[in-house]
Amino acid sequence: MTVTLKDFYADWCGPCKTQDPILEEMEDDWGEVEFEKIDVDEHQDVANEYQVRSIPTIVVENDDGVVERFVGVTQRDELEDALEQAGA
């Protein structure tokens, strides 16, 4: 099963800069998970598809669809719980 973590962000977003180091650490430890960074200014179509209204927004999904979504800075343990739920 493919598990993906999508990080919706913008360069001008302060909380997004706070979220970045958490995700970078996780990416090293969760090699089987696909991490995607999506700049909402450059990819408004994708942000609209996922109904992103605030950033940072993190969407965890697997082959069955969205498992969980987080809005605002989210701590590592919450994200890891969602990745496990998704089957990672």
N, C-alpha and C. Protein backbone atom coordinates (compact mmCIF):
# COMPACT_ATOMS: atom_id res chain seq x y z
N MET A 1 0.85 -1.19 0.00
CA MET A 1 0.00 0.00 0.00
C MET A 1 0.89 1.25 0.00
N THR A 2 0.55 2.19 -0.84
CA THR A 2 1.30 3.45 -0.90
C THR A 2 0.73 4.44 0.10
N VAL A 3 1.59 4.99 0.94
CA VAL A 3 1.19 6.01 1.91
C VAL A 3 1.90 7.31 1.53
N THR A 4 1.12 8.38 1.46
CA THR A 4 1.66 9.68 1.06
C THR A 4 1.31 10.73 2.11
N LEU A 5 2.27 11.58 2.41
CA LEU A 5 2.03 12.74 3.27
C LEU A 5 2.21 13.98 2.39
N LYS A 6 1.14 14.73 2.22
CA LYS A 6 1.18 15.95 1.41
C LYS A 6 1.22 17.16 2.34
N ASP A 7 2.24 17.98 2.16
CA ASP A 7 2.43 19.19 2.97
C ASP A 7 2.11 20.40 2.10
N PHE A 8 0.97 21.03 2.40
CA PHE A 8 0.56 22.23 1.68
C PHE A 8 1.12 23.44 2.43
N TYR A 9 1.91 24.26 1.73
CA TYR A 9 2.63 25.35 2.38
C TYR A 9 2.76 26.54 1.43
N ALA A 10 3.33 27.62 1.94
CA ALA A 10 3.74 28.76 1.12
C ALA A 10 5.02 29.32 1.71
N ASP A 11 5.87 29.90 0.86
CA ASP A 11 7.15 30.43 1.33
C ASP A 11 6.98 31.56 2.35
N TRP A 12 5.89 32.31 2.25
CA TRP A 12 5.67 33.46 3.13
C TRP A 12 5.00 33.08 4.46
N CYS A 13 4.71 31.81 4.65
CA CYS A 13 3.93 31.34 5.80
C CYS A 13 4.86 31.00 6.98
N GLY A 14 4.76 31.78 8.06
CA GLY A 14 5.58 31.55 9.26
C GLY A 14 5.38 30.18 9.88
N PRO A 15 4.12 29.78 10.16
CA PRO A 15 3.90 28.45 10.74
C PRO A 15 4.42 27.32 9.85
N CYS A 16 4.42 27.53 8.53
CA CYS A 16 4.95 26.51 7.62
C CYS A 16 6.44 26.30 7.88
N LYS A 17 7.15 27.38 8.17
CA LYS A 17 8.58 27.29 8.46
C LYS A 17 8.82 26.53 9.77
N THR A 18 7.88 26.63 10.71
CA THR A 18 7.96 25.87 11.95
C THR A 18 7.72 24.38 11.69
N GLN A 19 6.82 24.07 10.75
CA GLN A 19 6.48 22.68 10.43
C GLN A 19 7.61 21.97 9.68
N ASP A 20 8.36 22.71 8.88
CA ASP A 20 9.39 22.11 8.00
C ASP A 20 10.37 21.17 8.71
N PRO A 21 11.03 21.59 9.81
CA PRO A 21 12.02 20.69 10.42
C PRO A 21 11.40 19.39 10.93
N ILE A 22 10.16 19.46 11.39
CA ILE A 22 9.47 18.24 11.87
C ILE A 22 9.32 17.26 10.70
N LEU A 23 8.87 17.76 9.56
CA LEU A 23 8.67 16.89 8.41
C LEU A 23 9.99 16.38 7.84
N GLU A 24 11.02 17.23 7.87
CA GLU A 24 12.33 16.79 7.36
C GLU A 24 12.89 15.65 8.19
N GLU A 25 12.76 15.73 9.52
CA GLU A 25 13.19 14.63 10.39
C GLU A 25 12.41 13.36 10.09
N MET A 26 11.10 13.52 9.95
CA MET A 26 10.25 12.36 9.70
C MET A 26 10.60 11.68 8.38
N GLU A 27 10.91 12.49 7.37
CA GLU A 27 11.21 11.93 6.05
C GLU A 27 12.41 11.00 6.12
N ASP A 28 13.39 11.35 6.96
CA ASP A 28 14.56 10.49 7.14
C ASP A 28 14.19 9.15 7.78
N ASP A 29 13.23 9.17 8.70
CA ASP A 29 12.86 7.97 9.46
C ASP A 29 11.77 7.14 8.80
N TRP A 30 10.99 7.72 7.92
CA TRP A 30 9.86 7.04 7.28
C TRP A 30 10.13 6.91 5.78
N GLY A 31 11.17 6.16 5.45
CA GLY A 31 11.58 6.03 4.05
C GLY A 31 10.52 5.44 3.13
N GLU A 32 9.61 4.63 3.69
CA GLU A 32 8.59 3.98 2.85
C GLU A 32 7.42 4.91 2.54
N VAL A 33 7.38 6.08 3.18
CA VAL A 33 6.30 7.04 2.95
C VAL A 33 6.76 8.07 1.93
N GLU A 34 5.86 8.39 1.01
CA GLU A 34 6.15 9.42 0.01
C GLU A 34 5.77 10.78 0.59
N PHE A 35 6.74 11.67 0.69
CA PHE A 35 6.52 13.02 1.20
C PHE A 35 6.44 13.99 0.03
N GLU A 36 5.38 14.78 -0.03
CA GLU A 36 5.22 15.76 -1.11
C GLU A 36 5.03 17.14 -0.50
N LYS A 37 5.80 18.10 -0.99
CA LYS A 37 5.61 19.49 -0.58
C LYS A 37 4.89 20.20 -1.72
N ILE A 38 3.76 20.82 -1.41
CA ILE A 38 2.95 21.47 -2.43
C ILE A 38 2.80 22.95 -2.09
N ASP A 39 3.41 23.79 -2.89
CA ASP A 39 3.32 25.25 -2.71
C ASP A 39 1.94 25.69 -3.21
N VAL A 40 1.11 26.20 -2.30
CA VAL A 40 -0.26 26.55 -2.65
C VAL A 40 -0.33 27.71 -3.64
N ASP A 41 0.69 28.57 -3.67
CA ASP A 41 0.71 29.67 -4.63
C ASP A 41 0.97 29.16 -6.04
N GLU A 42 1.82 28.15 -6.16
CA GLU A 42 2.17 27.61 -7.47
C GLU A 42 1.19 26.54 -7.95
N HIS A 43 0.52 25.88 -7.01
CA HIS A 43 -0.37 24.76 -7.35
C HIS A 43 -1.75 24.96 -6.74
N GLN A 44 -2.38 26.05 -7.10
CA GLN A 44 -3.71 26.36 -6.53
C GLN A 44 -4.73 25.30 -6.90
N ASP A 45 -4.58 24.68 -8.07
CA ASP A 45 -5.51 23.65 -8.49
C ASP A 45 -5.49 22.45 -7.54
N VAL A 46 -4.29 22.04 -7.13
CA VAL A 46 -4.17 20.91 -6.20
C VAL A 46 -4.69 21.31 -4.82
N ALA A 47 -4.37 22.52 -4.39
CA ALA A 47 -4.87 23.01 -3.10
C ALA A 47 -6.40 23.04 -3.10
N ASN A 48 -6.99 23.47 -4.20
CA ASN A 48 -8.46 23.48 -4.29
C ASN A 48 -9.03 22.08 -4.29
N GLU A 49 -8.37 21.17 -4.99
CA GLU A 49 -8.82 19.77 -5.03
C GLU A 49 -8.89 19.18 -3.62
N TYR A 50 -7.91 19.54 -2.79
CA TYR A 50 -7.87 19.02 -1.41
C TYR A 50 -8.56 19.97 -0.43
N GLN A 51 -9.22 20.98 -0.94
CA GLN A 51 -9.98 21.94 -0.12
C GLN A 51 -9.13 22.56 0.98
N VAL A 52 -7.93 22.97 0.61
CA VAL A 52 -7.02 23.61 1.56
C VAL A 52 -7.43 25.08 1.70
N ARG A 53 -7.79 25.47 2.92
CA ARG A 53 -8.22 26.84 3.19
C ARG A 53 -7.24 27.59 4.09
N SER A 54 -6.43 26.85 4.84
CA SER A 54 -5.42 27.43 5.73
C SER A 54 -4.14 26.62 5.58
N ILE A 55 -3.02 27.27 5.83
CA ILE A 55 -1.76 26.54 5.77
C ILE A 55 -0.97 26.78 7.05
N PRO A 56 -0.14 25.86 7.46
CA PRO A 56 0.09 24.59 6.78
C PRO A 56 -1.09 23.62 6.94
N THR A 57 -1.34 22.87 5.90
CA THR A 57 -2.28 21.75 5.94
C THR A 57 -1.49 20.51 5.53
N ILE A 58 -1.65 19.46 6.29
CA ILE A 58 -0.99 18.19 5.98
C ILE A 58 -2.08 17.14 5.77
N VAL A 59 -1.98 16.44 4.65
CA VAL A 59 -2.93 15.39 4.32
C VAL A 59 -2.17 14.07 4.25
N VAL A 60 -2.65 13.09 5.01
CA VAL A 60 -2.09 11.74 4.97
C VAL A 60 -3.09 10.88 4.22
N GLU A 61 -2.60 10.21 3.17
CA GLU A 61 -3.51 9.36 2.40
C GLU A 61 -2.83 8.07 2.00
N ASN A 62 -3.69 7.09 1.67
CA ASN A 62 -3.19 5.82 1.16
C ASN A 62 -3.99 5.48 -0.09
N ASP A 63 -3.88 4.25 -0.56
CA ASP A 63 -4.57 3.86 -1.79
C ASP A 63 -6.08 4.01 -1.70
N ASP A 64 -6.62 4.00 -0.49
CA ASP A 64 -8.07 4.12 -0.30
C ASP A 64 -8.53 5.57 -0.23
N GLY A 65 -7.62 6.52 -0.11
CA GLY A 65 -7.99 7.93 -0.04
C GLY A 65 -7.40 8.60 1.20
N VAL A 66 -7.99 9.73 1.56
CA VAL A 66 -7.49 10.52 2.69
C VAL A 66 -7.78 9.80 4.00
N VAL A 67 -6.73 9.62 4.80
CA VAL A 67 -6.86 8.98 6.10
C VAL A 67 -7.06 10.04 7.18
N GLU A 68 -6.27 11.11 7.08
CA GLU A 68 -6.37 12.17 8.09
C GLU A 68 -5.81 13.45 7.51
N ARG A 69 -6.33 14.59 8.01
CA ARG A 69 -5.79 15.89 7.61
C ARG A 69 -5.58 16.74 8.85
N PHE A 70 -4.55 17.54 8.81
CA PHE A 70 -4.19 18.41 9.93
C PHE A 70 -4.06 19.83 9.41
N VAL A 71 -4.57 20.79 10.17
CA VAL A 71 -4.44 22.19 9.81
C VAL A 71 -3.68 22.89 10.94
N GLY A 72 -2.66 23.64 10.56
CA GLY A 72 -1.81 24.27 11.56
C GLY A 72 -0.59 23.41 11.83
N VAL A 73 0.32 23.94 12.64
CA VAL A 73 1.53 23.19 12.97
C VAL A 73 1.14 21.94 13.75
N THR A 74 1.61 20.80 13.28
CA THR A 74 1.24 19.51 13.86
C THR A 74 2.50 18.81 14.35
N GLN A 75 2.42 18.27 15.55
CA GLN A 75 3.58 17.61 16.16
C GLN A 75 3.82 16.24 15.54
N ARG A 76 5.05 15.81 15.66
CA ARG A 76 5.49 14.57 15.04
C ARG A 76 4.66 13.35 15.48
N ASP A 77 4.38 13.25 16.78
CA ASP A 77 3.67 12.04 17.26
C ASP A 77 2.29 11.92 16.63
N GLU A 78 1.59 13.04 16.44
CA GLU A 78 0.27 13.00 15.79
C GLU A 78 0.40 12.54 14.34
N LEU A 79 1.41 13.06 13.65
CA LEU A 79 1.62 12.70 12.26
C LEU A 79 2.00 11.23 12.13
N GLU A 80 2.85 10.75 13.03
CA GLU A 80 3.24 9.35 12.99
C GLU A 80 2.06 8.43 13.26
N ASP A 81 1.19 8.80 14.18
CA ASP A 81 -0.03 8.01 14.43
C ASP A 81 -0.85 7.90 13.15
N ALA A 82 -0.99 9.00 12.41
CA ALA A 82 -1.76 8.99 11.17
C ALA A 82 -1.08 8.13 10.12
N LEU A 83 0.25 8.17 10.04
CA LEU A 83 0.96 7.33 9.07
C LEU A 83 0.75 5.85 9.38
N GLU A 84 0.77 5.51 10.67
CA GLU A 84 0.53 4.12 11.06
C GLU A 84 -0.90 3.70 10.71
N GLN A 85 -1.85 4.59 10.96
CA GLN A 85 -3.25 4.30 10.61
C GLN A 85 -3.39 4.06 9.11
N ALA A 86 -2.59 4.80 8.33
CA ALA A 86 -2.67 4.71 6.87
C ALA A 86 -2.02 3.44 6.35
N GLY A 87 -1.27 2.76 7.20
CA GLY A 87 -0.67 1.49 6.81
C GLY A 87 0.82 1.54 6.55
N ALA A 88 1.47 2.63 6.98
CA ALA A 88 2.92 2.74 6.79
C ALA A 88 3.66 1.90 7.81
